């Protein structure tokens, strides 16, 4: 019987189904899975997506503000880690710093796996100490669990052997999202539209955390211009976070801007289906799976800060990426909202691609990578 532990700095709602499925898959291979879950920072708590995995070991994270960045510590039980055959850590600068003894110990027992992007896709510079630490430690893992094919490319470019990388195809429970989408009726949608006071025929939604990397000022500027151009444009903002007061202030003088807060489960799907497209001019991450699952084309920008999941976007097939400026963005969104044939074609592309990125597939990929890593440990 092998034992594997995965460390999570914080547990989120969308990860619960992954760990439940992964636990079952590994048990069928006589591999026991344990998880250590931490706690969110104060700002992360505002997002409303934190969760608790009942069978995980909980260890509180302590956060300290360092200028514009944030440090954290999370005490991990040393005896528990050393009892494992494989320890999988997030490839975060502070997580690595917290576990230097494990990362740099020789001989390495247990095996060490990193789970991550392969690089910081949002880093303003590669010269910071955290980026240098991350890049210098890429090769210390016995196995890599990479978010997407884009992450695999970053790792191989850094010299890490491709045969020791598992591409997870990072995902959420898209099948459940699809089931909710099928259950929701036109009557449900119209009732929610009436409750929010929506009257237009050109409606967009934003879904995500309300933080600076989503570029919400850009979003509001674009929405103002779309309102001027289309006349009846309306925008629904679904999400929570530190910039919610800013969005509420904008909404107080724009009756067509609806800030509905964080939504989950069927309620999230229902509010998303009020729109024709999803707008996100800033960082795109796992939220692209909302676009695919709901059949709502995503319109984003070439802003240079997207997470690895941007690999799922196929411009012109399931969504649109515009140059990084407001005029071009508004022009593309307005054209798409006016062209119902193109809108329907992109929606079809979304639904087709949604079947490729599932939590079941991610769990299967993860389990396969864990088995391969453990086999590596058996070699002389």
Protein backbone atom coordinates (compact mmCIF):
# COMPACT_ATOMS: atom_id res chain seq x y z
CA UNK A 1 0.00 0.00 0.00
CA UNK A 2 1.47 3.34 -1.06
CA UNK A 3 0.69 6.63 0.63
CA UNK A 4 0.55 10.05 -1.03
CA UNK A 5 -0.15 13.47 0.42
CA UNK A 6 -1.14 16.64 -1.43
CA UNK A 7 -0.70 20.02 0.26
CA UNK A 8 -3.12 22.85 -0.47
CA UNK A 9 -2.47 26.33 0.88
CA UNK A 10 -6.23 26.87 0.90
CA UNK A 11 -9.16 24.70 -0.10
CA UNK A 12 -11.69 26.00 -2.60
CA UNK A 13 -15.18 24.84 -3.40
CA UNK A 14 -14.30 23.87 -6.95
CA UNK A 15 -11.53 21.49 -5.78
CA UNK A 16 -13.71 19.30 -3.56
CA UNK A 17 -15.00 17.06 -6.35
CA UNK A 18 -11.45 16.59 -7.68
CA UNK A 19 -10.12 15.28 -4.39
CA UNK A 20 -13.14 13.04 -3.81
CA UNK A 21 -12.72 11.43 -7.25
CA UNK A 22 -8.94 11.21 -6.95
CA UNK A 23 -9.20 9.49 -3.57
CA UNK A 24 -11.43 6.76 -5.06
CA UNK A 25 -9.25 6.25 -8.14
CA UNK A 26 -6.10 5.89 -6.04
CA UNK A 27 -7.75 3.57 -3.52
CA UNK A 28 -8.58 1.24 -6.41
CA UNK A 29 -4.82 1.12 -7.09
CA UNK A 30 -4.00 0.52 -3.40
CA UNK A 31 -2.72 4.07 -2.95
CA UNK A 32 -3.90 5.97 0.10
CA UNK A 33 -4.43 9.70 -0.45
CA UNK A 34 -4.16 12.31 2.30
CA UNK A 35 -4.63 16.07 1.90
CA UNK A 36 -3.43 18.97 4.03
CA UNK A 37 -5.59 22.06 3.64
CA UNK A 38 -4.75 25.56 4.82
CA UNK A 39 -6.74 28.73 5.25
CA UNK A 40 -7.27 31.72 2.92
CA UNK A 41 -5.89 35.21 3.38
CA UNK A 42 -8.27 38.00 4.38
CA UNK A 43 -8.63 39.13 0.75
CA UNK A 44 -9.17 35.59 -0.49
CA UNK A 45 -11.93 35.13 2.09
CA UNK A 46 -13.86 37.92 0.35
CA UNK A 47 -14.14 35.81 -2.80
CA UNK A 48 -16.68 33.50 -1.17
CA UNK A 49 -15.19 30.32 -2.68
CA UNK A 50 -13.47 28.75 0.35
CA UNK A 51 -14.44 25.24 1.38
CA UNK A 52 -13.57 22.43 3.77
CA UNK A 53 -12.64 18.90 2.71
CA UNK A 54 -14.00 16.82 5.57
CA UNK A 55 -11.31 14.13 5.58
CA UNK A 56 -8.34 16.48 5.09
CA UNK A 57 -5.87 17.50 7.79
CA UNK A 58 -6.25 21.23 8.47
CA UNK A 59 -3.29 23.49 9.17
CA UNK A 60 -3.82 27.22 9.50
CA UNK A 61 -1.84 29.62 7.31
CA UNK A 62 -0.52 32.83 8.82
CA UNK A 63 -0.21 35.77 6.43
CA UNK A 64 2.03 38.83 6.66
CA UNK A 65 1.91 41.81 4.30
CA UNK A 66 5.30 42.67 2.77
CA UNK A 67 4.85 45.86 0.77
CA UNK A 68 2.63 44.99 -2.18
CA UNK A 69 3.17 41.27 -1.77
CA UNK A 70 2.21 38.80 0.94
CA UNK A 71 4.14 36.13 2.79
CA UNK A 72 2.64 33.15 4.55
CA UNK A 73 3.66 30.29 6.79
CA UNK A 74 1.92 26.97 7.17
CA UNK A 75 3.21 24.47 9.69
CA UNK A 76 3.13 21.03 8.12
CA UNK A 77 3.46 17.98 10.39
CA UNK A 78 6.94 16.67 9.61
CA UNK A 79 6.27 13.11 10.73
CA UNK A 80 3.20 12.90 8.50
CA UNK A 81 5.13 14.14 5.46
CA UNK A 82 8.05 11.79 6.04
CA UNK A 83 5.69 8.81 6.30
CA UNK A 84 4.57 9.30 2.69
CA UNK A 85 5.89 7.73 -0.48
CA UNK A 86 5.12 10.92 -2.41
CA UNK A 87 4.52 14.50 -1.25
CA UNK A 88 2.95 16.90 -3.76
CA UNK A 89 3.42 20.61 -3.06
CA UNK A 90 2.03 23.63 -4.92
CA UNK A 91 4.91 25.29 -6.74
CA UNK A 92 4.43 28.61 -4.92
CA UNK A 93 7.41 30.66 -3.79
CA UNK A 94 6.38 30.79 -0.16
CA UNK A 95 5.30 27.16 -0.08
CA UNK A 96 8.76 26.20 -1.30
CA UNK A 97 10.40 28.53 1.23
CA UNK A 98 8.32 26.97 4.01
CA UNK A 99 9.55 23.52 3.05
CA UNK A 100 13.22 23.98 2.19
CA UNK A 101 14.16 21.05 4.39
CA UNK A 102 11.94 18.75 2.36
CA UNK A 103 12.85 20.28 -0.99
CA UNK A 104 16.62 20.24 -0.55
CA UNK A 105 17.09 17.13 1.60
CA UNK A 106 19.35 14.37 0.27
CA UNK A 107 18.54 11.60 -0.30
CA UNK A 108 15.01 12.64 -1.13
CA UNK A 109 12.60 10.50 0.82
CA UNK A 110 9.75 10.71 0.15
CA UNK A 111 9.51 11.51 -3.54
CA UNK A 112 8.64 15.13 -4.24
CA UNK A 113 6.07 16.33 -6.74
CA UNK A 114 5.26 19.91 -7.74
CA UNK A 115 1.79 20.95 -8.85
CA UNK A 116 1.56 24.25 -10.64
CA UNK A 117 1.63 26.51 -13.66
CA UNK A 118 5.25 25.93 -14.59
CA UNK A 119 5.85 29.69 -14.28
CA UNK A 120 4.17 32.75 -12.82
CA UNK A 121 2.09 33.93 -15.76
CA UNK A 122 1.21 37.18 -13.94
CA UNK A 123 4.71 38.15 -12.82
CA UNK A 124 5.63 41.71 -13.78
CA UNK A 125 9.29 40.69 -13.85
CA UNK A 126 11.28 37.45 -13.72
CA UNK A 127 13.95 39.17 -11.61
CA UNK A 128 12.13 39.12 -8.25
CA UNK A 129 13.44 36.76 -5.60
CA UNK A 130 10.25 34.69 -5.61
CA UNK A 131 10.47 34.18 -9.37
CA UNK A 132 14.16 33.31 -9.12
CA UNK A 133 13.36 30.84 -6.33
CA UNK A 134 10.61 29.23 -8.38
CA UNK A 135 12.71 28.98 -11.55
CA UNK A 136 15.70 27.59 -9.64
CA UNK A 137 13.61 24.88 -7.98
CA UNK A 138 11.75 23.60 -11.06
CA UNK A 139 14.20 20.73 -11.47
CA UNK A 140 14.13 19.62 -7.83
CA UNK A 141 10.84 17.76 -8.19
CA UNK A 142 10.85 14.06 -9.04
CA UNK A 143 7.59 14.61 -10.94
CA UNK A 144 5.61 17.59 -12.21
CA UNK A 145 1.82 17.90 -12.32
CA UNK A 146 1.30 20.73 -14.82
CA UNK A 147 -1.96 22.65 -15.15
CA UNK A 148 -2.24 22.66 -18.96
CA UNK A 149 -0.26 22.05 -22.15
CA UNK A 150 0.94 25.65 -21.87
CA UNK A 151 2.48 24.78 -18.48
CA UNK A 152 4.16 21.72 -19.99
CA UNK A 153 5.74 23.96 -22.64
CA UNK A 154 7.12 26.29 -19.96
CA UNK A 155 8.60 23.38 -18.01
CA UNK A 156 10.25 21.72 -21.00
CA UNK A 157 11.61 25.09 -22.10
CA UNK A 158 13.23 25.32 -18.65
CA UNK A 159 14.89 21.96 -19.27
CA UNK A 160 12.62 19.67 -17.26
CA UNK A 161 12.23 16.21 -18.90
CA UNK A 162 8.83 15.84 -20.56
CA UNK A 163 8.60 12.16 -19.62
CA UNK A 164 8.28 13.19 -15.96
CA UNK A 165 5.46 15.69 -16.51
CA UNK A 166 1.75 14.94 -16.24
CA UNK A 167 -0.56 17.39 -18.00
CA UNK A 168 -3.62 17.59 -15.73
CA UNK A 169 -5.88 19.77 -17.93
CA UNK A 170 -7.00 21.78 -14.94
CA UNK A 171 -10.79 21.65 -14.61
CA UNK A 172 -13.87 22.01 -12.45
CA UNK A 173 -17.03 19.89 -12.44
CA UNK A 174 -18.17 20.91 -15.91
CA UNK A 175 -20.54 17.94 -16.16
CA UNK A 176 -22.55 19.24 -13.21
CA UNK A 177 -22.55 22.73 -14.68
CA UNK A 178 -23.89 21.27 -17.90
CA UNK A 179 -26.66 19.41 -16.05
CA UNK A 180 -27.76 22.59 -14.31
CA UNK A 181 -27.73 24.39 -17.65
CA UNK A 182 -30.05 21.77 -19.11
CA UNK A 183 -32.42 21.94 -16.13
CA UNK A 184 -32.89 25.71 -16.22
CA UNK A 185 -35.99 26.74 -18.18
CA UNK A 186 -36.82 29.86 -20.16
CA UNK A 187 -39.33 30.65 -17.43
CA UNK A 188 -36.53 30.52 -14.82
CA UNK A 189 -34.42 32.88 -16.92
CA UNK A 190 -37.24 35.34 -17.58
CA UNK A 191 -38.20 35.39 -13.91
CA UNK A 192 -34.64 36.27 -12.92
CA UNK A 193 -34.41 38.91 -15.65
CA UNK A 194 -37.61 40.51 -14.35
CA UNK A 195 -36.35 40.38 -10.75
CA UNK A 196 -33.15 42.22 -11.76
CA UNK A 197 -34.99 44.72 -13.96
CA UNK A 198 -33.28 43.64 -17.18
CA UNK A 199 -34.99 44.82 -20.36
CA UNK A 200 -32.37 44.87 -23.13
CA UNK A 201 -31.54 42.45 -25.92
CA UNK A 202 -27.74 42.78 -25.68
CA UNK A 203 -26.61 41.39 -22.33
CA UNK A 204 -23.16 40.35 -21.13
CA UNK A 205 -21.95 38.81 -17.88
CA UNK A 206 -18.70 38.96 -15.98
CA UNK A 207 -17.97 35.97 -13.72
CA UNK A 208 -15.01 35.96 -11.38
CA UNK A 209 -13.24 37.37 -8.37
CA UNK A 210 -13.37 41.15 -8.10
CA UNK A 211 -9.68 41.92 -7.84
CA UNK A 212 -7.27 44.18 -9.79
CA UNK A 213 -6.01 41.56 -12.23
CA UNK A 214 -9.50 41.29 -13.70
CA UNK A 215 -9.09 44.92 -14.88
CA UNK A 216 -12.55 46.03 -13.80
CA UNK A 217 -11.94 49.69 -14.72
CA UNK A 218 -11.34 48.54 -18.30
CA UNK A 219 -14.53 46.47 -18.09
CA UNK A 220 -16.63 49.44 -16.96
CA UNK A 221 -15.11 51.74 -19.60
CA UNK A 222 -15.94 49.18 -22.29
CA UNK A 223 -19.44 48.71 -20.88
CA UNK A 224 -20.11 52.46 -21.01
CA UNK A 225 -19.13 52.56 -24.68
CA UNK A 226 -21.20 49.47 -25.46
CA UNK A 227 -24.19 51.11 -23.82
CA UNK A 228 -23.70 54.17 -26.01
CA UNK A 229 -23.26 52.08 -29.15
CA UNK A 230 -25.99 49.47 -28.66
CA UNK A 231 -28.50 51.51 -26.68
CA UNK A 232 -29.86 48.64 -24.61
CA UNK A 233 -26.59 46.98 -23.48
CA UNK A 234 -26.66 45.56 -19.94
CA UNK A 235 -23.91 43.99 -17.84
CA UNK A 236 -24.30 41.54 -14.95
CA UNK A 237 -21.31 41.16 -12.60
CA UNK A 238 -21.22 37.82 -10.77
CA UNK A 239 -18.55 37.56 -8.11
CA UNK A 240 -17.11 38.99 -4.95
CA UNK A 241 -13.82 40.37 -3.77
CA UNK A 242 -11.97 43.46 -2.57
CA UNK A 243 -13.12 45.64 -5.50
CA UNK A 244 -16.82 44.99 -4.97
CA UNK A 245 -17.37 48.47 -3.40
CA UNK A 246 -15.91 50.02 -6.59
CA UNK A 247 -18.34 48.07 -8.77
CA UNK A 248 -21.28 48.97 -6.52
CA UNK A 249 -20.33 52.64 -6.81
CA UNK A 250 -20.34 52.35 -10.61
CA UNK A 251 -23.68 50.52 -10.51
CA UNK A 252 -25.26 53.23 -8.35
CA UNK A 253 -25.16 55.62 -11.33
CA UNK A 254 -25.74 53.01 -14.06
CA UNK A 255 -29.12 51.33 -13.78
CA UNK A 256 -28.08 48.85 -16.50
CA UNK A 257 -25.09 47.56 -14.48
CA UNK A 258 -26.16 44.80 -12.06
CA UNK A 259 -23.72 43.63 -9.36
CA UNK A 260 -25.26 40.45 -7.95
CA UNK A 261 -22.40 39.20 -5.77
CA UNK A 262 -21.00 35.70 -5.52
CA UNK A 263 -23.25 32.92 -6.81
CA UNK A 264 -22.77 29.17 -6.53
CA UNK A 265 -24.17 26.01 -8.03
CA UNK A 266 -27.40 26.22 -9.97
CA UNK A 267 -27.85 29.87 -8.97
CA UNK A 268 -24.55 30.78 -10.62
CA UNK A 269 -25.55 29.00 -13.82
CA UNK A 270 -28.96 30.70 -13.84
CA UNK A 271 -27.47 34.18 -13.54
CA UNK A 272 -24.84 33.41 -16.18
CA UNK A 273 -27.51 32.34 -18.67
CA UNK A 274 -29.02 35.82 -18.51
CA UNK A 275 -26.18 36.91 -20.81
CA UNK A 276 -25.18 36.29 -24.41
CA UNK A 277 -21.42 36.52 -23.85
CA UNK A 278 -18.91 36.54 -21.00
CA UNK A 279 -16.65 39.59 -20.78
CA UNK A 280 -13.28 39.47 -19.02
CA UNK A 281 -10.66 41.91 -20.33
CA UNK A 282 -8.20 40.90 -17.61
CA UNK A 283 -6.69 37.68 -16.32
CA UNK A 284 -8.46 34.55 -17.55
CA UNK A 285 -8.05 31.37 -15.54
CA UNK A 286 -10.38 28.53 -14.66
CA UNK A 287 -13.31 30.84 -15.37
CA UNK A 288 -12.95 29.95 -19.04
CA UNK A 289 -14.67 26.67 -18.15
CA UNK A 290 -17.80 28.65 -17.26
CA UNK A 291 -17.74 29.97 -20.82
CA UNK A 292 -17.41 26.50 -22.32
CA UNK A 293 -19.93 24.82 -20.02
CA UNK A 294 -22.62 27.49 -20.41
CA UNK A 295 -22.14 27.91 -24.16
CA UNK A 296 -21.34 31.60 -23.68
CA UNK A 297 -18.40 32.82 -25.80
CA UNK A 298 -15.66 34.58 -23.84
CA UNK A 299 -14.26 37.90 -25.05
CA UNK A 300 -10.90 38.78 -23.53
CA UNK A 301 -7.79 40.78 -24.44
CA UNK A 302 -4.19 39.99 -25.25
CA UNK A 303 -3.20 41.48 -21.89
CA UNK A 304 -0.23 39.23 -21.19
CA UNK A 305 -1.36 38.10 -17.74
CA UNK A 306 -3.57 35.08 -18.42
CA UNK A 307 -3.25 31.85 -16.47
CA UNK A 308 -2.40 28.56 -18.23
CA UNK A 309 -6.09 27.79 -18.85
CA UNK A 310 -6.02 30.38 -21.63
CA UNK A 311 -4.80 27.40 -23.68
CA UNK A 312 -8.46 26.31 -23.84
CA UNK A 313 -9.44 29.44 -25.78
CA UNK A 314 -9.66 28.94 -29.56
CA UNK A 315 -10.16 32.43 -30.99
CA UNK A 316 -12.82 32.42 -33.67
CA UNK A 317 -13.94 28.92 -32.64
CA UNK A 318 -15.14 29.22 -29.04
CA UNK A 319 -14.36 32.83 -28.14
CA UNK A 320 -12.52 36.02 -29.04
CA UNK A 321 -9.22 37.63 -28.04
CA UNK A 322 -8.82 41.28 -29.00
CA UNK A 323 -5.87 43.66 -28.92
CA UNK A 324 -5.32 45.11 -25.46
CA UNK A 325 -7.18 48.40 -25.82
CA UNK A 326 -10.73 49.52 -25.13
CA UNK A 327 -11.75 50.62 -28.65
CA UNK A 328 -10.83 47.28 -30.24
CA UNK A 329 -12.50 45.39 -27.40
CA UNK A 330 -15.76 47.34 -27.70
CA UNK A 331 -15.80 46.91 -31.48
CA UNK A 332 -15.45 43.11 -31.22
CA UNK A 333 -18.07 42.76 -28.47
CA UNK A 334 -20.57 44.96 -30.31
CA UNK A 335 -20.07 43.05 -33.56
CA UNK A 336 -20.54 39.73 -31.80
CA UNK A 337 -23.71 40.83 -30.02
CA UNK A 338 -25.18 42.03 -33.33
CA UNK A 339 -24.20 38.89 -35.26
CA UNK A 340 -26.46 36.17 -33.88
CA UNK A 341 -25.22 33.62 -36.40
CA UNK A 342 -21.60 34.03 -35.30
CA UNK A 343 -22.68 34.06 -31.67
CA UNK A 344 -24.46 30.72 -32.16
CA UNK A 345 -21.43 29.24 -33.93
CA UNK A 346 -19.08 30.21 -31.09
CA UNK A 347 -21.58 28.87 -28.54
CA UNK A 348 -21.52 25.51 -30.32
CA UNK A 349 -17.73 25.52 -30.16
CA UNK A 350 -17.91 26.22 -26.44
CA UNK A 351 -20.20 23.28 -25.74
CA UNK A 352 -18.09 20.93 -27.85
CA UNK A 353 -14.88 21.92 -26.08
CA UNK A 354 -16.46 21.64 -22.62
CA UNK A 355 -16.38 17.85 -23.00
CA UNK A 356 -12.56 17.91 -23.22
CA UNK A 357 -11.95 19.57 -19.85
CA UNK A 358 -13.69 17.73 -17.03
CA UNK A 359 -12.92 17.07 -13.39
CA UNK A 360 -13.21 13.35 -14.15
CA UNK A 361 -10.51 13.68 -16.79
CA UNK A 362 -8.34 15.76 -14.48
CA UNK A 363 -8.66 13.19 -11.67
CA UNK A 364 -7.75 10.39 -14.09
CA UNK A 365 -4.70 12.31 -15.32
CA UNK A 366 -3.66 13.07 -11.75
CA UNK A 367 -3.99 9.44 -10.67
CA UNK A 368 -1.99 8.28 -13.68
CA UNK A 369 0.78 10.75 -12.89
CA UNK A 370 0.91 9.66 -9.26
CA UNK A 371 1.20 6.01 -10.30
CA UNK A 372 4.00 6.89 -12.73
CA UNK A 373 5.85 8.88 -10.07
CA UNK A 374 5.62 5.99 -7.61
CA UNK A 375 6.95 3.62 -10.28
CA UNK A 376 9.86 6.02 -10.71
CA UNK A 377 10.60 5.62 -7.01
CA UNK A 378 10.93 1.85 -7.38
CA UNK A 379 13.74 2.12 -9.92
CA UNK A 380 17.28 1.53 -8.68
